[in-house]
Amino acid sequence: MEWIEVVNNVGFPIAISCYLLLKIEVKLNKLISLIHQTLGHEESRS
């Protein structure tokens, strides 16, 4: 299904919300990874 069809079928706000959720998910995964790396380094220093 093409992007335009999705917008026509589900509506503009829902399509934008889905797009933003996908973008945020990637950034949250990177942030979680960095937090785990930081905590791991702090534990090894003690």
PDB file of N, CA and C in Angstrom:
ATOM      1  N   MET A   1       0.845  -1.180   0.000  1.00  0.00           N
ATOM      2  CA  MET A   1       0.000   0.000   0.000  1.00  0.00           C
ATOM      3  C   MET A   1       0.893   1.247   0.000  1.00  0.00           C
ATOM      4  N   GLU A   2       0.576   2.169  -0.824  1.00  0.00           N
ATOM      5  CA  GLU A   2       1.399   3.366  -0.923  1.00  0.00           C
ATOM      6  C   GLU A   2       1.061   4.354   0.193  1.00  0.00           C
ATOM      7  N   TRP A   3       1.995   5.265   0.443  1.00  0.00           N
ATOM      8  CA  TRP A   3       1.845   6.258   1.508  1.00  0.00           C
ATOM      9  C   TRP A   3       0.593   7.107   1.291  1.00  0.00           C
ATOM     10  N   ILE A   4       0.315   7.513   0.082  1.00  0.00           N
ATOM     11  CA  ILE A   4      -0.857   8.364  -0.213  1.00  0.00           C
ATOM     12  C   ILE A   4      -2.152   7.612   0.077  1.00  0.00           C
ATOM     13  N   GLU A   5      -2.183   6.334  -0.244  1.00  0.00           N
ATOM     14  CA  GLU A   5      -3.370   5.535   0.051  1.00  0.00           C
ATOM     15  C   GLU A   5      -3.611   5.445   1.556  1.00  0.00           C
ATOM     16  N   VAL A   6      -2.537   5.301   2.307  1.00  0.00           N
ATOM     17  CA  VAL A   6      -2.660   5.234   3.765  1.00  0.00           C
ATOM     18  C   VAL A   6      -3.249   6.533   4.299  1.00  0.00           C
ATOM     19  N   VAL A   7      -2.741   7.656   3.814  1.00  0.00           N
ATOM     20  CA  VAL A   7      -3.237   8.957   4.267  1.00  0.00           C
ATOM     21  C   VAL A   7      -4.707   9.116   3.905  1.00  0.00           C
ATOM     22  N   ASN A   8      -5.099   8.702   2.719  1.00  0.00           N
ATOM     23  CA  ASN A   8      -6.499   8.816   2.310  1.00  0.00           C
ATOM     24  C   ASN A   8      -7.405   7.894   3.113  1.00  0.00           C
ATOM     25  N   ASN A   9      -6.923   6.706   3.447  1.00  0.00           N
ATOM     26  CA  ASN A   9      -7.763   5.736   4.143  1.00  0.00           C
ATOM     27  C   ASN A   9      -7.874   5.989   5.646  1.00  0.00           C
ATOM     28  N   VAL A  10      -6.769   6.273   6.282  1.00  0.00           N
ATOM     29  CA  VAL A  10      -6.790   6.409   7.739  1.00  0.00           C
ATOM     30  C   VAL A  10      -6.835   7.840   8.220  1.00  0.00           C
ATOM     31  N   GLY A  11      -6.477   8.749   7.403  1.00  0.00           N
ATOM     32  CA  GLY A  11      -6.513  10.140   7.820  1.00  0.00           C
ATOM     33  C   GLY A  11      -5.126  10.673   8.105  1.00  0.00           C
ATOM     34  N   PHE A  12      -4.999  11.951   7.890  1.00  0.00           N
ATOM     35  CA  PHE A  12      -3.708  12.615   8.055  1.00  0.00           C
ATOM     36  C   PHE A  12      -3.172  12.527   9.476  1.00  0.00           C
ATOM     37  N   PRO A  13      -3.952  12.822  10.513  1.00  0.00           N
ATOM     38  CA  PRO A  13      -3.392  12.786  11.879  1.00  0.00           C
ATOM     39  C   PRO A  13      -2.876  11.404  12.289  1.00  0.00           C
ATOM     40  N   ILE A  14      -3.593  10.358  11.898  1.00  0.00           N
ATOM     41  CA  ILE A  14      -3.151   9.012  12.265  1.00  0.00           C
ATOM     42  C   ILE A  14      -1.865   8.652  11.525  1.00  0.00           C
ATOM     43  N   ALA A  15      -1.770   9.010  10.269  1.00  0.00           N
ATOM     44  CA  ALA A  15      -0.564   8.718   9.493  1.00  0.00           C
ATOM     45  C   ALA A  15       0.645   9.453  10.077  1.00  0.00           C
ATOM     46  N   ILE A  16       0.464  10.712  10.437  1.00  0.00           N
ATOM     47  CA  ILE A  16       1.564  11.491  11.032  1.00  0.00           C
ATOM     48  C   ILE A  16       1.960  10.904  12.385  1.00  0.00           C
ATOM     49  N   SER A  17       0.983  10.503  13.182  1.00  0.00           N
ATOM     50  CA  SER A  17       1.273   9.908  14.492  1.00  0.00           C
ATOM     51  C   SER A  17       2.091   8.633  14.347  1.00  0.00           C
ATOM     52  N   CYS A  18       1.725   7.786  13.417  1.00  0.00           N
ATOM     53  CA  CYS A  18       2.476   6.545  13.182  1.00  0.00           C
ATOM     54  C   CYS A  18       3.905   6.841  12.740  1.00  0.00           C
ATOM     55  N   TYR A  19       4.059   7.795  11.849  1.00  0.00           N
ATOM     56  CA  TYR A  19       5.393   8.156  11.369  1.00  0.00           C
ATOM     57  C   TYR A  19       6.257   8.653  12.526  1.00  0.00           C
ATOM     58  N   LEU A  20       5.696   9.523  13.355  1.00  0.00           N
ATOM     59  CA  LEU A  20       6.470  10.066  14.471  1.00  0.00           C
ATOM     60  C   LEU A  20       6.801   8.990  15.502  1.00  0.00           C
ATOM     61  N   LEU A  21       5.880   8.073  15.741  1.00  0.00           N
ATOM     62  CA  LEU A  21       6.168   6.988  16.678  1.00  0.00           C
ATOM     63  C   LEU A  21       7.321   6.125  16.189  1.00  0.00           C
ATOM     64  N   LEU A  22       7.371   5.855  14.899  1.00  0.00           N
ATOM     65  CA  LEU A  22       8.472   5.066  14.357  1.00  0.00           C
ATOM     66  C   LEU A  22       9.798   5.807  14.485  1.00  0.00           C
ATOM     67  N   LYS A  23       9.790   7.114  14.231  1.00  0.00           N
ATOM     68  CA  LYS A  23      11.018   7.906  14.353  1.00  0.00           C
ATOM     69  C   LYS A  23      11.492   7.952  15.802  1.00  0.00           C
ATOM     70  N   ILE A  24      10.559   8.094  16.737  1.00  0.00           N
ATOM     71  CA  ILE A  24      10.917   8.169  18.153  1.00  0.00           C
ATOM     72  C   ILE A  24      11.458   6.829  18.635  1.00  0.00           C
ATOM     73  N   GLU A  25      10.900   5.736  18.127  1.00  0.00           N
ATOM     74  CA  GLU A  25      11.343   4.410  18.552  1.00  0.00           C
ATOM     75  C   GLU A  25      12.833   4.211  18.274  1.00  0.00           C
ATOM     76  N   VAL A  26      13.276   4.631  17.103  1.00  0.00           N
ATOM     77  CA  VAL A  26      14.688   4.477  16.744  1.00  0.00           C
ATOM     78  C   VAL A  26      15.560   5.289  17.704  1.00  0.00           C
ATOM     79  N   LYS A  27      15.154   6.515  17.985  1.00  0.00           N
ATOM     80  CA  LYS A  27      15.938   7.365  18.873  1.00  0.00           C
ATOM     81  C   LYS A  27      15.931   6.833  20.308  1.00  0.00           C
ATOM     82  N   LEU A  28      14.811   6.275  20.755  1.00  0.00           N
ATOM     83  CA  LEU A  28      14.751   5.699  22.094  1.00  0.00           C
ATOM     84  C   LEU A  28      15.656   4.477  22.206  1.00  0.00           C
ATOM     85  N   ASN A  29      15.704   3.662  21.176  1.00  0.00           N
ATOM     86  CA  ASN A  29      16.587   2.498  21.201  1.00  0.00           C
ATOM     87  C   ASN A  29      18.047   2.918  21.310  1.00  0.00           C
ATOM     88  N   LYS A  30      18.428   3.975  20.599  1.00  0.00           N
ATOM     89  CA  LYS A  30      19.802   4.482  20.689  1.00  0.00           C
ATOM     90  C   LYS A  30      20.079   5.027  22.082  1.00  0.00           C
ATOM     91  N   LEU A  31      19.110   5.742  22.660  1.00  0.00           N
ATOM     92  CA  LEU A  31      19.277   6.306  23.997  1.00  0.00           C
ATOM     93  C   LEU A  31      19.410   5.199  25.036  1.00  0.00           C
ATOM     94  N   ILE A  32      18.599   4.171  24.944  1.00  0.00           N
ATOM     95  CA  ILE A  32      18.679   3.045  25.871  1.00  0.00           C
ATOM     96  C   ILE A  32      20.038   2.366  25.773  1.00  0.00           C
ATOM     97  N   SER A  33      20.530   2.206  24.555  1.00  0.00           N
ATOM     98  CA  SER A  33      21.841   1.598  24.361  1.00  0.00           C
ATOM     99  C   SER A  33      22.942   2.430  25.016  1.00  0.00           C
ATOM    100  N   LEU A  34      22.871   3.740  24.844  1.00  0.00           N
ATOM    101  CA  LEU A  34      23.870   4.621  25.459  1.00  0.00           C
ATOM    102  C   LEU A  34      23.796   4.578  26.979  1.00  0.00           C
ATOM    103  N   ILE A  35      22.583   4.496  27.521  1.00  0.00           N
ATOM    104  CA  ILE A  35      22.428   4.408  28.980  1.00  0.00           C
ATOM    105  C   ILE A  35      23.048   3.117  29.498  1.00  0.00           C
ATOM    106  N   HIS A  36      22.801   2.017  28.806  1.00  0.00           N
ATOM    107  CA  HIS A  36      23.388   0.742  29.217  1.00  0.00           C
ATOM    108  C   HIS A  36      24.907   0.795  29.148  1.00  0.00           C
ATOM    109  N   GLN A  37      25.450   1.408  28.116  1.00  0.00           N
ATOM    110  CA  GLN A  37      26.902   1.528  27.997  1.00  0.00           C
ATOM    111  C   GLN A  37      27.465   2.374  29.131  1.00  0.00           C
ATOM    112  N   THR A  38      26.799   3.477  29.439  1.00  0.00           N
ATOM    113  CA  THR A  38      27.264   4.365  30.502  1.00  0.00           C
ATOM    114  C   THR A  38      27.213   3.671  31.853  1.00  0.00           C
ATOM    115  N   LEU A  39      26.127   2.989  32.151  1.00  0.00           N
ATOM    116  CA  LEU A  39      26.019   2.279  33.417  1.00  0.00           C
ATOM    117  C   LEU A  39      27.049   1.165  33.511  1.00  0.00           C
ATOM    118  N   GLY A  40      27.320   0.524  32.413  1.00  0.00           N
ATOM    119  CA  GLY A  40      28.324  -0.532  32.407  1.00  0.00           C
ATOM    120  C   GLY A  40      29.706  -0.004  32.720  1.00  0.00           C
ATOM    121  N   HIS A  41      30.033   1.172  32.188  1.00  0.00           N
ATOM    122  CA  HIS A  41      31.338   1.774  32.449  1.00  0.00           C
ATOM    123  C   HIS A  41      31.447   2.218  33.909  1.00  0.00           C
ATOM    124  N   GLU A  42      30.371   2.731  34.478  1.00  0.00           N
ATOM    125  CA  GLU A  42      30.396   3.184  35.869  1.00  0.00           C
ATOM    126  C   GLU A  42      30.566   2.001  36.807  1.00  0.00           C
ATOM    127  N   GLU A  43      29.915   0.866  36.515  1.00  0.00           N
ATOM    128  CA  GLU A  43      30.034  -0.309  37.368  1.00  0.00           C
ATOM    129  C   GLU A  43      31.446  -0.880  37.350  1.00  0.00           C
ATOM    130  N   SER A  44      32.108  -0.823  36.200  1.00  0.00           N
ATOM    131  CA  SER A  44      33.450  -1.393  36.096  1.00  0.00           C
ATOM    132  C   SER A  44      34.486  -0.511  36.807  1.00  0.00           C
ATOM    133  N   ARG A  45      34.197   0.772  37.005  1.00  0.00           N
ATOM    134  CA  ARG A  45      35.126   1.680  37.697  1.00  0.00           C
ATOM    135  C   ARG A  45      35.120   1.420  39.206  1.00  0.00           C
ATOM    136  N   SER A  46      33.999   0.984  39.766  1.00  0.00           N
ATOM    137  CA  SER A  46      33.885   0.811  41.237  1.00  0.00           C
ATOM    138  C   SER A  46      34.681  -0.365  41.733  1.00  0.00           C
TER     139      SER A  46
END
